[in-house]
Amino acid sequence: MTVFSRTDTSLLSGWWWTVDRWLLMTLALLIGFGIVMTFSASPAIAEKLGLGSFHFVKRQILFVIAAMITMFGVSLLPVQWVRRLGAVLFLAAVILMVLTMVIGFEAKGSRRWLSIGSFTLQASEFLKPAFIIFSAWMFSEVHKTPEFRGWSIAIFSYIIVVALLISQPDFGQTILVSLVWGAQFFMAGLSMIWVLGLAGLGMAGVFLAYMLIPHVSDRIDRFLYPEISDTYQVDTALNALRSGGMFGRGPGEGAVKKILPDAHTDFIFAVTGEEFGVLPCSILIGLFAVIVVRSLIKNMKETDMFVFLAVSGLIIQFGLQTFINLGVNLALLPSKGMTLPFISYGGSSMLSMAIAMGMVLALTRRGAGNNLENLNSGWRKS
């Protein structure tokens, strides 16, 4: 028995028969796993901060509900509305990041957050998917209209984004955004000379940051010279993963969440490994891999340049962010505060990732290029 009949011409029926249901199901499993891990990892942190045991759990459930509604709503949009949403969100995120520089509050040496009542907003999280969509739009317009200065606009926008991120400072997000934007630029037809040139500039930027900014050099030195550096958090996370074995110590029985201050955010994978073991961790990594691989394979058949660049950028960001978080937990990369998509606690991260994956679901629907009035016609043709 299917949810909707193929003869049903309603909006929801058209969405159901055109959306990638395997991708949708994998995302639902990932979000469900994230809720379980929030129940497991966050009570110890909440109690340490003098809050109720389920303070973070309750808030995360609210974030998940908002994220699922957002993802569903965005996935209904046709291509032209995804472009418009990306452009509007990009402008709003830039304005919010400027406001963050002026009235945002500082934590751990960075000014990245705005207080809105009892919630905190990290505008840079929403900037990432919006900038990907905006860049894809500019790059794709050049292919339609060669005289359009889309590349110049994309480069100028990139400079603004990097300047705002560095001002916070947030070098991890700067590197992530730069890698994704560079990949989009390359896929849009950038010559190899420019690719090598931009790669050289990127390496020079990292070197200058290492030489001139103590915060950056400290993190890189900790990674390169662990024997003479303070690597307590990473070592603790690794020990937790080792102690979990194949099947873990059992839900709620882990010790690492009582020690690490970021156990419910940056190091939630370590909590997962300790309490559930290698096998569930492998399944979790498999879910991430399914989302990335399925989306990219499906996107290879795409003939619309904007859709191809947008989906590629969004999925590369999703995959890279996952890789960075896991790499830090496994001591394969220098320590960097970056959330594990849909698993780590955090409202801004959850909502921005919901927008990003809602856009992926919208752009990978069969007949996604149809306009709003013809939303339901794509599935009939397929």
Protein backbone atom coordinates (compact mmCIF):
# COMPACT_ATOMS: atom_id res chain seq x y z
CA MET A 1 0.00 0.00 0.00
CA THR A 2 1.43 3.34 -1.06
CA VAL A 3 1.01 6.64 0.74
CA PHE A 4 -0.40 8.36 -2.35
CA SER A 5 -2.04 7.04 -5.52
CA ARG A 6 -0.34 7.87 -8.81
CA THR A 7 -3.61 9.37 -9.98
CA ASP A 8 -3.59 11.80 -7.05
CA THR A 9 -2.74 15.28 -8.37
CA SER A 10 -2.26 16.98 -5.00
CA LEU A 11 0.89 18.87 -4.06
CA LEU A 12 1.97 16.24 -1.53
CA SER A 13 1.39 13.41 -3.97
CA GLY A 14 3.51 15.15 -6.60
CA TRP A 15 6.27 15.57 -4.00
CA TRP A 16 6.07 11.95 -2.86
CA TRP A 17 6.37 10.48 -6.35
CA THR A 18 9.27 12.72 -7.39
CA VAL A 19 11.41 12.94 -4.25
CA ASP A 20 14.34 10.53 -3.69
CA ARG A 21 12.75 8.33 -1.03
CA TRP A 22 15.96 6.40 -0.30
CA LEU A 23 17.75 9.65 0.44
CA LEU A 24 14.79 10.83 2.52
CA MET A 25 14.79 7.59 4.53
CA THR A 26 18.55 7.76 5.16
CA LEU A 27 18.26 11.33 6.41
CA ALA A 28 15.41 10.29 8.73
CA LEU A 29 17.55 7.47 10.16
CA LEU A 30 20.44 9.89 10.68
CA ILE A 31 18.22 12.39 12.52
CA GLY A 32 16.77 9.60 14.65
CA PHE A 33 20.26 8.42 15.59
CA GLY A 34 21.13 12.00 16.52
CA ILE A 35 18.20 12.19 18.96
CA VAL A 36 19.33 8.94 20.62
CA MET A 37 22.87 10.28 21.02
CA THR A 38 21.62 13.57 22.47
CA PHE A 39 19.74 11.56 25.11
CA SER A 40 22.95 9.70 25.85
CA ALA A 41 25.58 12.45 25.69
CA SER A 42 23.94 15.63 26.96
CA PRO A 43 22.54 14.93 30.50
CA ALA A 44 26.01 14.77 32.07
CA ILE A 45 26.95 18.10 30.47
CA ALA A 46 23.67 19.71 31.59
CA GLU A 47 24.16 18.58 35.19
CA LYS A 48 27.74 19.87 35.19
CA LEU A 49 26.41 23.29 34.13
CA GLY A 50 23.75 23.26 36.85
CA LEU A 51 20.89 22.73 34.40
CA GLY A 52 18.17 20.11 34.34
CA SER A 53 19.33 16.68 33.17
CA PHE A 54 17.26 16.85 29.99
CA HIS A 55 17.80 20.55 29.25
CA PHE A 56 19.73 19.93 26.03
CA VAL A 57 17.51 16.99 25.08
CA LYS A 58 14.35 19.11 25.19
CA ARG A 59 15.95 21.89 23.19
CA GLN A 60 17.35 19.45 20.62
CA ILE A 61 13.92 17.88 20.12
CA LEU A 62 12.54 21.35 19.39
CA PHE A 63 15.40 21.92 16.94
CA VAL A 64 14.72 18.56 15.25
CA ILE A 65 11.00 19.30 14.86
CA ALA A 66 11.79 22.72 13.36
CA ALA A 67 14.46 21.15 11.14
CA MET A 68 12.15 18.44 9.78
CA ILE A 69 9.44 20.99 9.00
CA THR A 70 12.04 23.22 7.32
CA MET A 71 13.55 20.37 5.30
CA PHE A 72 10.14 19.24 4.10
CA GLY A 73 9.09 22.77 3.18
CA VAL A 74 12.30 23.48 1.26
CA SER A 75 12.12 20.12 -0.53
CA LEU A 76 8.78 21.18 -2.05
CA LEU A 77 10.35 24.14 -3.85
CA PRO A 78 11.01 24.15 -7.62
CA VAL A 79 14.45 25.08 -8.91
CA GLN A 80 13.80 28.80 -9.40
CA TRP A 81 12.54 29.15 -5.84
CA VAL A 82 15.59 27.33 -4.48
CA ARG A 83 17.72 29.94 -6.28
CA ARG A 84 15.70 32.78 -4.81
CA LEU A 85 15.80 31.28 -1.32
CA GLY A 86 19.57 30.91 -1.58
CA ALA A 87 20.05 34.52 -2.68
CA VAL A 88 17.76 35.96 0.04
CA LEU A 89 19.30 33.75 2.72
CA PHE A 90 22.80 34.75 1.57
CA LEU A 91 21.99 38.44 1.92
CA ALA A 92 20.35 37.89 5.32
CA ALA A 93 23.29 35.81 6.58
CA VAL A 94 25.81 38.47 5.51
CA ILE A 95 23.82 41.15 7.35
CA LEU A 96 23.58 38.95 10.45
CA MET A 97 27.33 38.27 10.37
CA VAL A 98 28.02 42.01 10.23
CA LEU A 99 25.67 42.44 13.21
CA THR A 100 27.55 39.66 15.00
CA MET A 101 30.76 41.65 14.66
CA VAL A 102 29.03 44.61 16.37
CA ILE A 103 26.66 43.16 18.98
CA GLY A 104 27.51 39.46 19.11
CA PHE A 105 28.90 37.90 22.25
CA GLU A 106 32.35 36.36 22.58
CA ALA A 107 33.05 32.78 23.68
CA LYS A 108 36.31 30.81 23.56
CA GLY A 109 38.08 33.74 21.90
CA SER A 110 35.62 34.05 19.01
CA ARG A 111 32.65 36.32 18.30
CA ARG A 112 30.31 34.09 16.28
CA TRP A 113 26.94 34.19 18.03
CA LEU A 114 23.93 36.47 18.41
CA SER A 115 21.63 36.18 21.43
CA ILE A 116 17.93 35.91 20.55
CA GLY A 117 16.01 35.41 23.77
CA SER A 118 17.11 32.11 25.27
CA PHE A 119 18.61 30.93 21.98
CA THR A 120 21.88 31.72 20.25
CA LEU A 121 22.17 32.12 16.48
CA GLN A 122 25.33 31.37 14.54
CA ALA A 123 24.84 33.17 11.23
CA SER A 124 27.86 31.53 9.57
CA GLU A 125 26.02 28.19 9.62
CA PHE A 126 23.26 29.60 7.42
CA LEU A 127 25.80 31.39 5.24
CA LYS A 128 27.27 28.08 4.02
CA PRO A 129 24.30 26.60 2.10
CA ALA A 130 23.18 30.04 0.95
CA PHE A 131 26.60 30.90 -0.48
CA ILE A 132 26.75 27.55 -2.27
CA ILE A 133 23.42 28.22 -3.98
CA PHE A 134 24.35 31.81 -4.83
CA SER A 135 27.73 30.76 -6.28
CA ALA A 136 26.11 27.98 -8.33
CA TRP A 137 23.66 30.53 -9.72
CA MET A 138 26.41 32.97 -10.72
CA PHE A 139 28.60 30.27 -12.28
CA SER A 140 25.68 28.72 -14.21
CA GLU A 141 24.52 32.08 -15.60
CA VAL A 142 27.90 32.50 -17.32
CA HIS A 143 27.18 29.35 -19.36
CA LYS A 144 23.80 30.74 -20.43
CA THR A 145 25.03 34.29 -21.09
CA PRO A 146 28.82 34.45 -21.66
CA GLU A 147 28.93 38.25 -21.32
CA PHE A 148 27.37 38.05 -17.83
CA ARG A 149 30.01 38.76 -15.17
CA GLY A 150 28.98 35.85 -12.96
CA TRP A 151 32.54 34.76 -12.17
CA SER A 152 33.47 38.26 -11.01
CA ILE A 153 30.39 38.42 -8.78
CA ALA A 154 31.16 34.97 -7.35
CA ILE A 155 34.78 35.93 -6.63
CA PHE A 156 33.78 39.22 -5.00
CA SER A 157 31.15 37.42 -2.89
CA TYR A 158 33.75 34.84 -1.83
CA ILE A 159 36.10 37.60 -0.66
CA ILE A 160 33.30 39.10 1.45
CA VAL A 161 32.46 35.72 2.98
CA VAL A 162 36.08 34.92 3.82
CA ALA A 163 36.62 38.39 5.33
CA LEU A 164 33.55 37.95 7.56
CA LEU A 165 34.61 34.48 8.69
CA ILE A 166 38.18 35.52 9.46
CA SER A 167 36.94 38.53 11.43
CA GLN A 168 35.17 36.24 13.92
CA PRO A 169 37.69 34.42 13.68
CA ASP A 170 36.61 31.04 12.30
CA PHE A 171 39.39 29.51 10.22
CA GLY A 172 37.83 26.05 10.10
CA GLN A 173 34.70 27.36 8.41
CA THR A 174 36.89 29.51 6.16
CA ILE A 175 38.76 26.44 4.92
CA LEU A 176 35.51 24.48 4.49
CA VAL A 177 33.82 27.26 2.50
CA SER A 178 36.97 27.76 0.40
CA LEU A 179 37.22 24.06 -0.50
CA VAL A 180 33.57 23.85 -1.51
CA TRP A 181 33.68 27.10 -3.48
CA GLY A 182 36.89 26.02 -5.21
CA ALA A 183 35.29 22.69 -6.18
CA GLN A 184 32.29 24.51 -7.63
CA PHE A 185 34.55 26.92 -9.53
CA PHE A 186 36.51 23.99 -10.98
CA MET A 187 33.32 22.16 -12.05
CA ALA A 188 32.05 25.38 -13.62
CA GLY A 189 34.98 25.30 -16.04
CA LEU A 190 37.88 27.00 -14.31
CA SER A 191 41.16 26.34 -16.16
CA MET A 192 43.92 24.32 -14.49
CA ILE A 193 46.16 27.38 -14.32
CA TRP A 194 43.58 29.12 -12.15
CA VAL A 195 43.07 25.94 -10.12
CA LEU A 196 46.78 25.74 -9.34
CA GLY A 197 46.91 29.46 -8.64
CA LEU A 198 44.00 29.34 -6.20
CA ALA A 199 45.44 26.24 -4.55
CA GLY A 200 48.73 28.09 -4.10
CA LEU A 201 46.94 31.09 -2.58
CA GLY A 202 45.08 28.80 -0.23
CA MET A 203 48.26 27.12 0.95
CA ALA A 204 49.91 30.52 1.38
CA GLY A 205 46.92 31.68 3.44
CA VAL A 206 47.18 28.65 5.74
CA PHE A 207 50.93 29.20 6.14
CA LEU A 208 50.45 32.89 7.01
CA ALA A 209 47.72 32.00 9.50
CA TYR A 210 50.07 29.48 11.10
CA MET A 211 52.90 32.01 11.31
CA LEU A 212 50.89 35.02 12.48
CA ILE A 213 47.93 33.74 14.52
CA PRO A 214 48.74 31.94 17.80
CA HIS A 215 45.37 30.19 17.95
CA VAL A 216 45.96 28.52 14.56
CA SER A 217 49.59 27.63 15.20
CA ASP A 218 48.69 26.16 18.60
CA ARG A 219 46.13 23.77 17.10
CA ILE A 220 48.40 22.70 14.26
CA ASP A 221 51.36 22.19 16.64
CA ARG A 222 49.20 20.03 18.90
CA PHE A 223 48.42 17.84 15.90
CA LEU A 224 51.97 17.69 14.52
CA TYR A 225 53.78 17.37 17.86
CA PRO A 226 51.41 15.55 20.24
CA GLU A 227 54.30 14.37 22.42
CA ILE A 228 55.12 17.94 23.53
CA SER A 229 51.63 19.48 23.38
CA ASP A 230 48.41 19.43 25.36
CA THR A 231 46.22 16.96 23.45
CA TYR A 232 43.95 16.07 26.36
CA GLN A 233 40.61 16.32 24.51
CA VAL A 234 41.70 14.29 21.47
CA ASP A 235 43.48 11.68 23.62
CA THR A 236 40.40 11.34 25.82
CA ALA A 237 38.18 10.90 22.75
CA LEU A 238 40.50 8.22 21.34
CA ASN A 239 40.57 6.35 24.63
CA ALA A 240 36.78 6.43 24.72
CA LEU A 241 36.58 4.95 21.22
CA ARG A 242 39.07 2.22 22.17
CA SER A 243 37.24 1.34 25.38
CA GLY A 244 33.96 0.87 23.52
CA GLY A 245 35.19 -2.16 21.63
CA MET A 246 32.89 -3.79 19.11
CA PHE A 247 29.57 -3.37 20.91
CA GLY A 248 30.24 -0.60 23.44
CA ARG A 249 29.82 -0.30 27.20
CA GLY A 250 26.08 0.19 26.91
CA PRO A 251 23.77 3.24 26.52
CA GLY A 252 24.42 5.76 29.27
CA GLU A 253 27.42 3.86 30.64
CA GLY A 254 30.13 5.96 28.99
CA ALA A 255 32.59 8.05 30.98
CA VAL A 256 33.91 10.45 28.33
CA LYS A 257 30.77 12.62 28.38
CA LYS A 258 31.48 13.41 32.04
CA ILE A 259 34.98 14.65 31.22
CA LEU A 260 34.90 16.45 27.87
CA PRO A 261 33.08 19.82 27.83
CA ASP A 262 32.09 19.38 24.16
CA ALA A 263 30.97 15.75 24.38
CA HIS A 264 27.47 16.60 23.11
CA THR A 265 28.75 18.68 20.17
CA ASP A 266 32.24 18.30 18.68
CA PHE A 267 33.04 14.95 20.32
CA ILE A 268 29.67 13.21 20.19
CA PHE A 269 31.18 10.54 17.91
CA ALA A 270 33.53 9.57 20.76
CA VAL A 271 30.50 9.14 23.04
CA THR A 272 28.86 6.99 20.35
CA GLY A 273 31.95 4.77 20.07
CA GLU A 274 32.30 4.32 23.82
CA GLU A 275 28.66 3.50 24.52
CA PHE A 276 27.61 1.69 21.33
CA GLY A 277 30.88 0.37 19.90
CA VAL A 278 32.56 0.06 16.53
CA LEU A 279 29.64 -1.64 14.76
CA PRO A 280 27.04 1.13 15.31
CA CYS A 281 29.74 3.72 14.52
CA SER A 282 30.36 1.93 11.22
CA ILE A 283 26.64 1.95 10.48
CA LEU A 284 26.54 5.68 11.26
CA ILE A 285 29.45 6.35 8.88
CA GLY A 286 27.64 4.19 6.32
CA LEU A 287 24.56 6.43 6.54
CA PHE A 288 26.70 9.49 5.82
CA ALA A 289 28.34 7.64 2.92
CA VAL A 290 24.99 6.63 1.43
CA ILE A 291 23.79 10.25 1.43
CA VAL A 292 26.99 11.53 -0.23
CA VAL A 293 27.44 8.74 -2.79
CA ARG A 294 23.77 8.45 -3.79
CA SER A 295 23.41 12.20 -4.23
CA LEU A 296 26.58 12.55 -6.30
CA ILE A 297 25.79 9.55 -8.52
CA LYS A 298 22.29 10.87 -9.16
CA ASN A 299 23.72 14.32 -9.84
CA MET A 300 26.07 12.97 -12.51
CA LYS A 301 23.06 12.58 -14.81
CA GLU A 302 22.00 16.21 -14.32
CA THR A 303 22.03 18.42 -17.42
CA ASP A 304 21.07 21.71 -15.75
CA MET A 305 24.32 23.48 -14.80
CA PHE A 306 22.82 25.28 -11.81
CA VAL A 307 21.35 22.10 -10.35
CA PHE A 308 24.60 20.20 -10.96
CA LEU A 309 26.76 22.85 -9.24
CA ALA A 310 24.32 23.45 -6.39
CA VAL A 311 23.82 19.79 -5.47
CA SER A 312 27.54 19.08 -5.85
CA GLY A 313 28.43 21.98 -3.56
CA LEU A 314 25.85 21.11 -0.90
CA ILE A 315 26.88 17.45 -0.80
CA ILE A 316 30.60 18.25 -0.81
CA GLN A 317 30.01 20.56 2.17
CA PHE A 318 28.01 17.84 3.94
CA GLY A 319 30.71 15.24 3.27
CA LEU A 320 33.64 17.48 4.19
CA GLN A 321 32.02 18.64 7.43
CA THR A 322 31.39 15.01 8.37
CA PHE A 323 34.97 14.06 7.47
CA ILE A 324 36.44 16.93 9.50
CA ASN A 325 34.43 16.07 12.61
CA LEU A 326 35.27 12.38 12.40
CA GLY A 327 38.90 13.19 11.58
CA VAL A 328 39.24 15.29 14.74
CA ASN A 329 37.66 12.56 16.87
CA LEU A 330 40.06 9.98 15.41
CA ALA A 331 43.11 12.29 15.69
CA LEU A 332 43.50 12.36 11.90
CA LEU A 333 43.07 16.14 11.68
CA PRO A 334 43.93 19.13 13.91
CA SER A 335 41.29 19.95 16.51
CA LYS A 336 38.47 22.10 15.11
CA GLY A 337 35.08 22.91 16.54
CA MET A 338 32.81 21.59 13.79
CA THR A 339 29.56 19.73 14.34
CA LEU A 340 28.68 16.28 13.04
CA PRO A 341 25.67 16.89 10.74
CA PHE A 342 22.31 16.01 12.34
CA ILE A 343 24.07 14.27 15.25
CA SER A 344 25.74 17.03 17.30
CA TYR A 345 23.69 19.27 19.54
CA GLY A 346 23.02 22.74 18.16
CA GLY A 347 20.08 24.64 16.72
CA SER A 348 21.90 26.72 14.10
CA SER A 349 23.77 23.70 12.76
CA MET A 350 20.63 21.55 12.71
CA LEU A 351 18.47 24.15 10.93
CA SER A 352 21.13 25.14 8.39
CA MET A 353 21.79 21.50 7.54
CA ALA A 354 18.04 20.95 7.19
CA ILE A 355 17.90 23.83 4.70
CA ALA A 356 20.88 22.38 2.80
CA MET A 357 19.47 18.87 2.57
CA GLY A 358 15.99 20.20 1.82
CA MET A 359 17.57 21.96 -1.16
CA VAL A 360 19.26 18.70 -2.20
CA LEU A 361 15.93 16.85 -2.00
CA ALA A 362 14.25 19.63 -4.02
CA LEU A 363 16.93 19.77 -6.70
CA THR A 364 17.21 15.98 -7.11
CA ARG A 365 13.46 15.44 -7.53
CA ARG A 366 12.38 14.07 -10.86
CA GLY A 367 11.09 16.97 -12.87
CA ALA A 368 12.67 19.42 -10.43
CA GLY A 369 13.10 22.01 -13.16
CA ASN A 370 9.37 22.45 -13.55
CA ASN A 371 7.82 25.67 -12.30
CA LEU A 372 5.53 25.87 -9.29
CA GLU A 373 2.33 25.57 -11.31
CA ASN A 374 3.57 22.36 -12.96
CA LEU A 375 5.00 20.84 -9.79
CA ASN A 376 2.94 17.68 -10.10
CA SER A 377 3.55 16.96 -13.78
CA GLY A 378 7.09 15.61 -13.46
CA TRP A 379 6.14 12.26 -11.90
CA ARG A 380 3.59 11.53 -14.64
CA LYS A 381 6.29 11.89 -17.30
CA SER A 382 8.62 9.58 -15.38
